[in-house]
Amino acid sequence: MCGRTACSLGAENLRRACAYRDSGGRRRQPEWIRAERYRPSYNKGPQSSGPVLLSRRHLQQDADSSERVLMDMRWGLIPSWFKNDDPAKMQFNTSNCRSDTMLKKSSYKGALLKGKRCVVLADGFYEWQQQKSGGKQPYFIYFPQTKDAMAEEKEGDEEWRGWRLLTMAGIFDSWEPPAGGEPLYTYTIITVDASKDVSFIHHRQVRAGMPAILDGDEAIRKWLDFAEVPTQEAVKLIQPTENIVFHPVSTFVNNVRNNAPECITPIELGAKKEVKATPSSKAMLGWLKTSQEGSPQKKENDLPRWTSQFIHNPSPKKTSADVLQQWLRKEGEPAAKKHKA
């Protein structure tokens, strides 16, 4: 399942990171719909709002279905047929939708057959591993990043060189209050069986699952373009992916009220479990807090750019990634890695 995500990019950088080529081959950035409602966060849970991509045709009938828009929606799907005047009274948990039942359950089937497919955007998602001691160890899971993810942005750059966003398949719907009022847009994240690389995180007595990740723009295009790609074809995209990496993070993320870079900072498991255990890690956290001024809504260019063993040849200019990489070397390189049996 997917119970918590991070999406820390500011609104404009998030839009740049979602650039795509339209049906005519032109490079475009999606238009933000209600951008003022978007709030970056390192710790998003169900019932919070988050950014999703969808076809413009859902909002404008004469639009090209391949054209994309960004919209902030609430996590936890409320079907359009829900009759109660208070969406909080929805009796079922609809934050996740299992792929093997999404065409059977009425909460999702109607929206899916109407083409209400969306892509949920995030830096990555969190998963917890049950420990023998009784506690749970959180992990942060995301796409492998290239050296571009830590490159300095240059004025006038068309290509996004920052963090590669995780793109998760979702279903959305629009619910209108029976007494009238503004429609409420909500979404659910589709889940599949966990890939072998992350299945070790799940307790063996719990059904292992993970978000259905759309890897690459062609998969995103097919999922969003409901007018050209029918449901029967689109659902073939819903399957586990091995193209993900992860690292352990502090239990700081366990409290959804905690919303700071510490949520995604790599830690070393074992004796030095918490990042704050050493002077060097305290210095790193101090730098992160200063750069953020305690708020994930600070100017997006000030957000930290993370690194891992998948990133090579860092820029000679001192960046936050350099600081993190230096710390990781000192602490024994506990950075992101794929699980090995």
Foldseek 3Di string as FASTA:
>chain_A
DFFKFFALFALVLVQLLQWDAFPVRDIDTAAEDPSVQDFGFGIDGAQAKAKKKAACCVVPVPDQLLHIHIYIAGQFADAQPDQDLDSVPPPDGQNEDELVCQCPDPSRNVQLQVLQKIKTKGLFTKAWAQDPVGDTWIKTKHFQAEQLQQDADDPPDSHNSHRNIWIFIKGKHWYARPVGDDIHIYIHFYKYAEDPQCQNRYDPVDRHIDGQTQPDDVLNSLSRSCVVHGSVRNSVSRDYDPRMKMAIADCCNVDSVDTFPSSHQHFDPDPRGHQPPDPLSVVLVVVRCVLQVPGSNPNSSSHARAHAPNYDDHDPDDGSNVSSVVVCVVVPRRGIDTDDD
